[in-house]
Amino acid sequence: MRCHVYKSRTRPDTYIYLAEKDDFDALPDALRQRLGMLEPVLEFDLTPERRLARSDAATVIAALQAQGFHLQLPPGQAETA
Protein backbone atom coordinates (compact mmCIF):
# COMPACT_ATOMS: atom_id res chain seq x y z
CA MET A 1 0.00 0.00 0.00
CA ARG A 2 1.24 3.50 -0.80
CA CYS A 3 1.74 5.68 2.28
CA HIS A 4 2.11 9.46 2.50
CA VAL A 5 3.77 10.97 5.56
CA TYR A 6 3.41 14.58 6.74
CA LYS A 7 4.96 16.37 9.69
CA SER A 8 3.32 19.02 11.81
CA ARG A 9 5.03 22.40 11.58
CA THR A 10 3.80 23.37 15.05
CA ARG A 11 4.30 20.08 16.96
CA PRO A 12 7.84 18.69 16.80
CA ASP A 13 8.24 14.97 16.05
CA THR A 14 4.53 14.59 15.26
CA TYR A 15 3.67 12.84 12.01
CA ILE A 16 0.52 11.83 10.14
CA TYR A 17 0.51 8.86 7.79
CA LEU A 18 -2.21 9.07 5.14
CA ALA A 19 -3.52 6.36 2.83
CA GLU A 20 -4.28 8.97 0.15
CA LYS A 21 -2.01 11.87 -0.80
CA ASP A 22 -3.20 15.17 0.71
CA ASP A 23 -6.41 13.55 2.05
CA PHE A 24 -6.62 15.80 5.10
CA ASP A 25 -10.40 15.30 5.17
CA ALA A 26 -9.66 11.85 6.68
CA LEU A 27 -8.48 13.61 9.85
CA PRO A 28 -10.94 14.57 12.59
CA ASP A 29 -11.37 18.35 12.75
CA ALA A 30 -9.97 18.61 16.29
CA LEU A 31 -6.83 16.71 15.31
CA ARG A 32 -6.37 18.78 12.17
CA GLN A 33 -6.56 21.98 14.23
CA ARG A 34 -4.07 20.72 16.84
CA LEU A 35 -1.53 19.74 14.19
CA GLY A 36 -1.70 23.01 12.27
CA MET A 37 0.07 23.17 8.93
CA LEU A 38 1.30 19.82 7.64
CA GLU A 39 4.37 19.47 5.45
CA PRO A 40 4.96 16.42 3.22
CA VAL A 41 8.13 14.55 4.17
CA LEU A 42 7.97 11.05 2.72
CA GLU A 43 6.06 8.76 0.39
CA PHE A 44 6.71 5.02 0.24
CA ASP A 45 5.24 1.56 -0.24
CA LEU A 46 4.21 0.17 3.13
CA THR A 47 4.18 -3.59 3.66
CA PRO A 48 3.74 -5.58 6.89
CA GLU A 49 7.40 -6.57 6.70
CA ARG A 50 8.73 -3.03 6.45
CA ARG A 51 10.59 -1.70 9.47
CA LEU A 52 9.51 1.71 10.69
CA ALA A 53 11.39 3.87 13.20
CA ARG A 54 8.64 4.29 15.82
CA SER A 55 5.62 2.32 14.69
CA ASP A 56 4.76 -1.24 13.80
CA ALA A 57 4.02 -1.49 10.07
CA ALA A 58 1.02 -3.81 10.59
CA THR A 59 -0.48 -1.33 13.08
CA VAL A 60 -0.03 1.55 10.63
CA ILE A 61 -1.56 -0.45 7.79
CA ALA A 62 -4.57 -1.38 9.94
CA ALA A 63 -5.12 2.28 10.91
CA LEU A 64 -4.79 3.44 7.30
CA GLN A 65 -7.34 0.85 6.15
CA ALA A 66 -9.77 1.54 9.01
CA GLN A 67 -9.65 5.33 9.25
CA GLY A 68 -7.41 6.60 6.45
CA PHE A 69 -4.67 7.91 8.77
CA HIS A 70 -2.22 7.00 11.50
CA LEU A 71 -0.95 9.49 14.09
CA GLN A 72 2.65 9.17 15.27
CA LEU A 73 3.51 11.26 18.32
CA PRO A 74 6.91 11.86 19.93
CA PRO A 75 8.11 9.10 22.26
CA GLY A 76 6.38 9.13 25.64
CA GLN A 77 3.11 10.68 24.42
CA ALA A 78 -0.10 8.66 24.15
CA GLU A 79 -1.62 8.38 20.67
CA THR A 80 -5.18 9.67 20.71
CA ALA A 81 -7.12 11.24 17.89
PDB file of N, CA and C in Angstrom:
ATOM      1  N   MET A   1       0.846  -1.173   0.000  1.00  0.00           N
ATOM      2  CA  MET A   1       0.000   0.000   0.000  1.00  0.00           C
ATOM      3  C   MET A   1       0.892   1.237   0.000  1.00  0.00           C
ATOM      4  N   ARG A   2       0.495   2.239  -0.755  1.00  0.00           N
ATOM      5  CA  ARG A   2       1.236   3.497  -0.800  1.00  0.00           C
ATOM      6  C   ARG A   2       0.894   4.306   0.445  1.00  0.00           C
ATOM      7  N   CYS A   3       1.898   4.933   1.041  1.00  0.00           N
ATOM      8  CA  CYS A   3       1.739   5.677   2.285  1.00  0.00           C
ATOM      9  C   CYS A   3       2.352   7.064   2.108  1.00  0.00           C
ATOM     10  N   HIS A   4       1.668   8.075   2.610  1.00  0.00           N
ATOM     11  CA  HIS A   4       2.109   9.463   2.496  1.00  0.00           C
ATOM     12  C   HIS A   4       2.264  10.021   3.908  1.00  0.00           C
ATOM     13  N   VAL A   5       3.463  10.518   4.212  1.00  0.00           N
ATOM     14  CA  VAL A   5       3.770  10.968   5.564  1.00  0.00           C
ATOM     15  C   VAL A   5       3.954  12.483   5.567  1.00  0.00           C
ATOM     16  N   TYR A   6       3.347  13.130   6.572  1.00  0.00           N
ATOM     17  CA  TYR A   6       3.410  14.579   6.739  1.00  0.00           C
ATOM     18  C   TYR A   6       3.853  14.884   8.165  1.00  0.00           C
ATOM     19  N   LYS A   7       4.592  15.965   8.336  1.00  0.00           N
ATOM     20  CA  LYS A   7       4.957  16.375   9.691  1.00  0.00           C
ATOM     21  C   LYS A   7       4.240  17.670  10.029  1.00  0.00           C
ATOM     22  N   SER A   8       3.956  17.807  11.309  1.00  0.00           N
ATOM     23  CA  SER A   8       3.322  19.016  11.811  1.00  0.00           C
ATOM     24  C   SER A   8       4.386  20.102  11.941  1.00  0.00           C
ATOM     25  N   ARG A   9       4.092  21.277  11.445  1.00  0.00           N
ATOM     26  CA  ARG A   9       5.034  22.399  11.578  1.00  0.00           C
ATOM     27  C   ARG A   9       5.010  22.996  12.976  1.00  0.00           C
ATOM     28  N   THR A  10       3.927  22.763  13.724  1.00  0.00           N
ATOM     29  CA  THR A  10       3.795  23.370  15.048  1.00  0.00           C
ATOM     30  C   THR A  10       4.068  22.396  16.186  1.00  0.00           C
ATOM     31  N   ARG A  11       4.069  21.093  15.920  1.00  0.00           N
ATOM     32  CA  ARG A  11       4.297  20.080  16.957  1.00  0.00           C
ATOM     33  C   ARG A  11       5.485  19.217  16.546  1.00  0.00           C
ATOM     34  N   PRO A  12       6.637  19.448  17.163  1.00  0.00           N
ATOM     35  CA  PRO A  12       7.841  18.692  16.797  1.00  0.00           C
ATOM     36  C   PRO A  12       7.655  17.175  16.945  1.00  0.00           C
ATOM     37  N   ASP A  13       8.259  16.439  16.042  1.00  0.00           N
ATOM     38  CA  ASP A  13       8.240  14.965  16.055  1.00  0.00           C
ATOM     39  C   ASP A  13       6.847  14.368  16.009  1.00  0.00           C
ATOM     40  N   THR A  14       5.894  15.092  15.420  1.00  0.00           N
ATOM     41  CA  THR A  14       4.534  14.591  15.264  1.00  0.00           C
ATOM     42  C   THR A  14       4.259  14.416  13.772  1.00  0.00           C
ATOM     43  N   TYR A  15       3.858  13.192  13.415  1.00  0.00           N
ATOM     44  CA  TYR A  15       3.671  12.843  12.008  1.00  0.00           C
ATOM     45  C   TYR A  15       2.307  12.219  11.787  1.00  0.00           C
ATOM     46  N   ILE A  16       1.767  12.439  10.582  1.00  0.00           N
ATOM     47  CA  ILE A  16       0.524  11.831  10.144  1.00  0.00           C
ATOM     48  C   ILE A  16       0.838  10.995   8.906  1.00  0.00           C
ATOM     49  N   TYR A  17       0.425   9.740   8.950  1.00  0.00           N
ATOM     50  CA  TYR A  17       0.512   8.857   7.786  1.00  0.00           C
ATOM     51  C   TYR A  17      -0.868   8.859   7.151  1.00  0.00           C
ATOM     52  N   LEU A  18      -0.932   9.086   5.849  1.00  0.00           N
ATOM     53  CA  LEU A  18      -2.212   9.072   5.138  1.00  0.00           C
ATOM     54  C   LEU A  18      -2.209   7.987   4.067  1.00  0.00           C
ATOM     55  N   ALA A  19      -3.364   7.366   3.871  1.00  0.00           N
ATOM     56  CA  ALA A  19      -3.519   6.360   2.832  1.00  0.00           C
ATOM     57  C   ALA A  19      -3.585   7.021   1.457  1.00  0.00           C
ATOM     58  N   GLU A  20      -4.132   8.228   1.404  1.00  0.00           N
ATOM     59  CA  GLU A  20      -4.278   8.965   0.145  1.00  0.00           C
ATOM     60  C   GLU A  20      -3.515  10.283   0.249  1.00  0.00           C
ATOM     61  N   LYS A  21      -2.797  10.629  -0.795  1.00  0.00           N
ATOM     62  CA  LYS A  21      -2.013  11.865  -0.803  1.00  0.00           C
ATOM     63  C   LYS A  21      -2.911  13.075  -0.565  1.00  0.00           C
ATOM     64  N   ASP A  22      -2.506  13.913   0.381  1.00  0.00           N
ATOM     65  CA  ASP A  22      -3.197  15.170   0.705  1.00  0.00           C
ATOM     66  C   ASP A  22      -4.660  14.984   1.127  1.00  0.00           C
ATOM     67  N   ASP A  23      -5.025  13.811   1.634  1.00  0.00           N
ATOM     68  CA  ASP A  23      -6.406  13.550   2.051  1.00  0.00           C
ATOM     69  C   ASP A  23      -6.605  13.981   3.509  1.00  0.00           C
ATOM     70  N   PHE A  24      -6.495  15.275   3.753  1.00  0.00           N
ATOM     71  CA  PHE A  24      -6.617  15.798   5.104  1.00  0.00           C
ATOM     72  C   PHE A  24      -8.048  15.723   5.627  1.00  0.00           C
ATOM     73  N   ASP A  25      -9.019  15.479   4.741  1.00  0.00           N
ATOM     74  CA  ASP A  25     -10.401  15.300   5.174  1.00  0.00           C
ATOM     75  C   ASP A  25     -10.567  14.016   5.987  1.00  0.00           C
ATOM     76  N   ALA A  26      -9.606  13.086   5.892  1.00  0.00           N
ATOM     77  CA  ALA A  26      -9.655  11.846   6.676  1.00  0.00           C
ATOM     78  C   ALA A  26      -9.400  12.120   8.158  1.00  0.00           C
ATOM     79  N   LEU A  27      -8.812  13.272   8.473  1.00  0.00           N
ATOM     80  CA  LEU A  27      -8.479  13.610   9.855  1.00  0.00           C
ATOM     81  C   LEU A  27      -9.674  14.253  10.560  1.00  0.00           C
ATOM     82  N   PRO A  28      -9.904  13.877  11.816  1.00  0.00           N
ATOM     83  CA  PRO A  28     -10.943  14.568  12.591  1.00  0.00           C
ATOM     84  C   PRO A  28     -10.591  16.060  12.706  1.00  0.00           C
ATOM     85  N   ASP A  29     -11.598  16.905  12.712  1.00  0.00           N
ATOM     86  CA  ASP A  29     -11.368  18.347  12.750  1.00  0.00           C
ATOM     87  C   ASP A  29     -10.499  18.779  13.924  1.00  0.00           C
ATOM     88  N   ALA A  30     -10.751  18.228  15.114  1.00  0.00           N
ATOM     89  CA  ALA A  30      -9.973  18.613  16.295  1.00  0.00           C
ATOM     90  C   ALA A  30      -8.493  18.266  16.120  1.00  0.00           C
ATOM     91  N   LEU A  31      -8.213  17.121  15.542  1.00  0.00           N
ATOM     92  CA  LEU A  31      -6.829  16.714  15.310  1.00  0.00           C
ATOM     93  C   LEU A  31      -6.176  17.618  14.276  1.00  0.00           C
ATOM     94  N   ARG A  32      -6.900  17.912  13.231  1.00  0.00           N
ATOM     95  CA  ARG A  32      -6.369  18.783  12.172  1.00  0.00           C
ATOM     96  C   ARG A  32      -6.000  20.152  12.738  1.00  0.00           C
ATOM     97  N   GLN A  33      -6.823  20.677  13.619  1.00  0.00           N
ATOM     98  CA  GLN A  33      -6.557  21.982  14.226  1.00  0.00           C
ATOM     99  C   GLN A  33      -5.336  21.925  15.145  1.00  0.00           C
ATOM    100  N   ARG A  34      -5.217  20.851  15.931  1.00  0.00           N
ATOM    101  CA  ARG A  34      -4.068  20.722  16.840  1.00  0.00           C
ATOM    102  C   ARG A  34      -2.749  20.602  16.092  1.00  0.00           C
ATOM    103  N   LEU A  35      -2.768  19.947  14.938  1.00  0.00           N
ATOM    104  CA  LEU A  35      -1.532  19.743  14.187  1.00  0.00           C
ATOM    105  C   LEU A  35      -1.103  20.969  13.403  1.00  0.00           C
ATOM    106  N   GLY A  36      -2.033  21.822  13.061  1.00  0.00           N
ATOM    107  CA  GLY A  36      -1.698  23.008  12.274  1.00  0.00           C
ATOM    108  C   GLY A  36      -1.293  22.633  10.852  1.00  0.00           C
ATOM    109  N   MET A  37      -0.394  23.410  10.293  1.00  0.00           N
ATOM    110  CA  MET A  37       0.072  23.166   8.926  1.00  0.00           C
ATOM    111  C   MET A  37       0.864  21.869   8.870  1.00  0.00           C
ATOM    112  N   LEU A  38       0.595  21.081   7.833  1.00  0.00           N
ATOM    113  CA  LEU A  38       1.302  19.821   7.639  1.00  0.00           C
ATOM    114  C   LEU A  38       2.190  19.925   6.401  1.00  0.00           C
ATOM    115  N   GLU A  39       3.385  19.405   6.523  1.00  0.00           N
ATOM    116  CA  GLU A  39       4.373  19.468   5.448  1.00  0.00           C
ATOM    117  C   GLU A  39       4.709  18.046   4.996  1.00  0.00           C
ATOM    118  N   PRO A  40       4.627  17.774   3.687  1.00  0.00           N
ATOM    119  CA  PRO A  40       4.964  16.425   3.218  1.00  0.00           C
ATOM    120  C   PRO A  40       6.447  16.135   3.445  1.00  0.00           C
ATOM    121  N   VAL A  41       6.735  14.910   3.920  1.00  0.00           N
ATOM    122  CA  VAL A  41       8.126  14.548   4.167  1.00  0.00           C
ATOM    123  C   VAL A  41       8.538  13.246   3.497  1.00  0.00           C
ATOM    124  N   LEU A  42       7.589  12.364   3.225  1.00  0.00           N
ATOM    125  CA  LEU A  42       7.966  11.047   2.723  1.00  0.00           C
ATOM    126  C   LEU A  42       6.777  10.365   2.073  1.00  0.00           C
ATOM    127  N   GLU A  43       7.067   9.582   1.056  1.00  0.00           N
ATOM    128  CA  GLU A  43       6.057   8.763   0.386  1.00  0.00           C
ATOM    129  C   GLU A  43       6.733   7.434   0.074  1.00  0.00           C
ATOM    130  N   PHE A  44       6.082   6.325   0.458  1.00  0.00           N
ATOM    131  CA  PHE A  44       6.710   5.022   0.237  1.00  0.00           C
ATOM    132  C   PHE A  44       5.663   3.916   0.205  1.00  0.00           C
ATOM    133  N   ASP A  45       6.098   2.736  -0.256  1.00  0.00           N
ATOM    134  CA  ASP A  45       5.236   1.563  -0.245  1.00  0.00           C
ATOM    135  C   ASP A  45       5.360   0.903   1.110  1.00  0.00           C
ATOM    136  N   LEU A  46       4.243   0.744   1.791  1.00  0.00           N
ATOM    137  CA  LEU A  46       4.212   0.170   3.128  1.00  0.00           C
ATOM    138  C   LEU A  46       3.723  -1.269   3.056  1.00  0.00           C
ATOM    139  N   THR A  47       4.531  -2.175   3.582  1.00  0.00           N
ATOM    140  CA  THR A  47       4.180  -3.588   3.664  1.00  0.00           C
ATOM    141  C   THR A  47       4.292  -4.030   5.122  1.00  0.00           C
ATOM    142  N   PRO A  48       3.643  -5.114   5.501  1.00  0.00           N
ATOM    143  CA  PRO A  48       3.737  -5.575   6.892  1.00  0.00           C
ATOM    144  C   PRO A  48       5.171  -5.890   7.326  1.00  0.00           C
ATOM    145  N   GLU A  49       6.027  -6.223   6.381  1.00  0.00           N
ATOM    146  CA  GLU A  49       7.405  -6.574   6.704  1.00  0.00           C
ATOM    147  C   GLU A  49       8.316  -5.361   6.864  1.00  0.00           C
ATOM    148  N   ARG A  50       7.877  -4.228   6.425  1.00  0.00           N
ATOM    149  CA  ARG A  50       8.729  -3.034   6.448  1.00  0.00           C
ATOM    150  C   ARG A  50       8.989  -2.574   7.879  1.00  0.00           C
ATOM    151  N   ARG A  51      10.226  -2.220   8.151  1.00  0.00           N
ATOM    152  CA  ARG A  51      10.594  -1.696   9.475  1.00  0.00           C
ATOM    153  C   ARG A  51      10.396  -0.188   9.487  1.00  0.00           C
ATOM    154  N   LEU A  52       9.713   0.283  10.505  1.00  0.00           N
ATOM    155  CA  LEU A  52       9.511   1.712  10.693  1.00  0.00           C
ATOM    156  C   LEU A  52      10.215   2.132  11.976  1.00  0.00           C
ATOM    157  N   ALA A  53      10.611   3.391  12.061  1.00  0.00           N
ATOM    158  CA  ALA A  53      11.391   3.871  13.204  1.00  0.00           C
ATOM    159  C   ALA A  53      10.628   3.783  14.524  1.00  0.00           C
ATOM    160  N   ARG A  54       9.366   4.212  14.551  1.00  0.00           N
ATOM    161  CA  ARG A  54       8.638   4.294  15.821  1.00  0.00           C
ATOM    162  C   ARG A  54       7.306   3.570  15.832  1.00  0.00           C
ATOM    163  N   SER A  55       6.920   2.983  14.750  1.00  0.00           N
ATOM    164  CA  SER A  55       5.620   2.321  14.688  1.00  0.00           C
ATOM    165  C   SER A  55       5.770   0.936  14.075  1.00  0.00           C
ATOM    166  N   ASP A  56       4.825   0.084  14.393  1.00  0.00           N
ATOM    167  CA  ASP A  56       4.756  -1.241  13.797  1.00  0.00           C
ATOM    168  C   ASP A  56       4.021  -1.122  12.463  1.00  0.00           C
ATOM    169  N   ALA A  57       4.603  -1.630  11.397  1.00  0.00           N
ATOM    170  CA  ALA A  57       4.022  -1.492  10.065  1.00  0.00           C
ATOM    171  C   ALA A  57       2.603  -2.059  10.004  1.00  0.00           C
ATOM    172  N   ALA A  58       2.361  -3.201  10.620  1.00  0.00           N
ATOM    173  CA  ALA A  58       1.024  -3.805  10.592  1.00  0.00           C
ATOM    174  C   ALA A  58      -0.001  -2.908  11.288  1.00  0.00           C
ATOM    175  N   THR A  59       0.408  -2.252  12.367  1.00  0.00           N
ATOM    176  CA  THR A  59      -0.479  -1.329  13.084  1.00  0.00           C
ATOM    177  C   THR A  59      -0.814  -0.122  12.210  1.00  0.00           C
ATOM    178  N   VAL A  60       0.182   0.406  11.519  1.00  0.00           N
ATOM    179  CA  VAL A  60      -0.027   1.555  10.635  1.00  0.00           C
ATOM    180  C   VAL A  60      -0.957   1.166   9.487  1.00  0.00           C
ATOM    181  N   ILE A  61      -0.714   0.014   8.895  1.00  0.00           N
ATOM    182  CA  ILE A  61      -1.563  -0.447   7.788  1.00  0.00           C
ATOM    183  C   ILE A  61      -3.005  -0.601   8.251  1.00  0.00           C
ATOM    184  N   ALA A  62      -3.205  -1.195   9.418  1.00  0.00           N
ATOM    185  CA  ALA A  62      -4.568  -1.375   9.938  1.00  0.00           C
ATOM    186  C   ALA A  62      -5.258  -0.031  10.151  1.00  0.00           C
ATOM    187  N   ALA A  63      -4.538   0.946  10.696  1.00  0.00           N
ATOM    188  CA  ALA A  63      -5.117   2.284  10.910  1.00  0.00           C
ATOM    189  C   ALA A  63      -5.441   2.955   9.580  1.00  0.00           C
ATOM    190  N   LEU A  64      -4.554   2.828   8.606  1.00  0.00           N
ATOM    191  CA  LEU A  64      -4.795   3.436   7.296  1.00  0.00           C
ATOM    192  C   LEU A  64      -6.029   2.819   6.637  1.00  0.00           C
ATOM    193  N   GLN A  65      -6.180   1.515   6.756  1.00  0.00           N
ATOM    194  CA  GLN A  65      -7.339   0.849   6.146  1.00  0.00           C
ATOM    195  C   GLN A  65      -8.635   1.185   6.886  1.00  0.00           C
ATOM    196  N   ALA A  66      -8.562   1.299   8.206  1.00  0.00           N
ATOM    197  CA  ALA A  66      -9.770   1.536   9.008  1.00  0.00           C
ATOM    198  C   ALA A  66     -10.217   2.991   8.995  1.00  0.00           C
ATOM    199  N   GLN A  67      -9.259   3.927   9.114  1.00  0.00           N
ATOM    200  CA  GLN A  67      -9.652   5.330   9.251  1.00  0.00           C
ATOM    201  C   GLN A  67      -8.983   6.277   8.269  1.00  0.00           C
ATOM    202  N   GLY A  68      -8.051   5.765   7.459  1.00  0.00           N
ATOM    203  CA  GLY A  68      -7.415   6.597   6.448  1.00  0.00           C
ATOM    204  C   GLY A  68      -6.195   7.352   6.932  1.00  0.00           C
ATOM    205  N   PHE A  69      -5.859   7.226   8.242  1.00  0.00           N
ATOM    206  CA  PHE A  69      -4.675   7.908   8.766  1.00  0.00           C
ATOM    207  C   PHE A  69      -4.122   7.178   9.975  1.00  0.00           C
ATOM    208  N   HIS A  70      -2.867   7.481  10.283  1.00  0.00           N
ATOM    209  CA  HIS A  70      -2.218   6.995  11.503  1.00  0.00           C
ATOM    210  C   HIS A  70      -1.451   8.167  12.098  1.00  0.00           C
ATOM    211  N   LEU A  71      -1.631   8.411  13.384  1.00  0.00           N
ATOM    212  CA  LEU A  71      -0.949   9.495  14.087  1.00  0.00           C
ATOM    213  C   LEU A  71       0.275   8.940  14.807  1.00  0.00           C
ATOM    214  N   GLN A  72       1.429   9.539  14.568  1.00  0.00           N
ATOM    215  CA  GLN A  72       2.655   9.168  15.270  1.00  0.00           C
ATOM    216  C   GLN A  72       3.124  10.354  16.082  1.00  0.00           C
ATOM    217  N   LEU A  73       3.093  10.206  17.398  1.00  0.00           N
ATOM    218  CA  LEU A  73       3.506  11.260  18.323  1.00  0.00           C
ATOM    219  C   LEU A  73       4.940  11.022  18.786  1.00  0.00           C
ATOM    220  N   PRO A  74       5.568  12.045  19.382  1.00  0.00           N
ATOM    221  CA  PRO A  74       6.913  11.859  19.931  1.00  0.00           C
ATOM    222  C   PRO A  74       6.902  10.771  21.001  1.00  0.00           C
ATOM    223  N   PRO A  75       8.038  10.139  21.221  1.00  0.00           N
ATOM    224  CA  PRO A  75       8.108   9.100  22.258  1.00  0.00           C
ATOM    225  C   PRO A  75       7.609   9.621  23.603  1.00  0.00           C
ATOM    226  N   GLY A  76       6.871   8.762  24.311  1.00  0.00           N
ATOM    227  CA  GLY A  76       6.376   9.128  25.639  1.00  0.00           C
ATOM    228  C   GLY A  76       5.001   9.777  25.644  1.00  0.00           C
ATOM    229  N   GLN A  77       4.440  10.086  24.486  1.00  0.00           N
ATOM    230  CA  GLN A  77       3.109  10.682  24.420  1.00  0.00           C
ATOM    231  C   GLN A  77       2.109   9.639  23.941  1.00  0.00           C
ATOM    232  N   ALA A  78       0.947   9.607  24.541  1.00  0.00           N
ATOM    233  CA  ALA A  78      -0.101   8.657  24.146  1.00  0.00           C
ATOM    234  C   ALA A  78      -0.705   9.085  22.815  1.00  0.00           C
ATOM    235  N   GLU A  79      -1.003   8.102  21.966  1.00  0.00           N
ATOM    236  CA  GLU A  79      -1.617   8.380  20.673  1.00  0.00           C
ATOM    237  C   GLU A  79      -3.120   8.364  20.812  1.00  0.00           C
ATOM    238  N   THR A  80      -3.727   9.547  20.711  1.00  0.00           N
ATOM    239  CA  THR A  80      -5.177   9.672  20.709  1.00  0.00           C
ATOM    240  C   THR A  80      -5.568  10.620  19.605  1.00  0.00           C
ATOM    241  N   ALA A  81      -6.688  10.375  18.989  1.00  0.00           N
ATOM    242  CA  ALA A  81      -7.120  11.240  17.891  1.00  0.00           C
ATOM    243  C   ALA A  81      -8.197  12.157  18.319  1.00  0.00           C
TER     244      ALA A  81
END
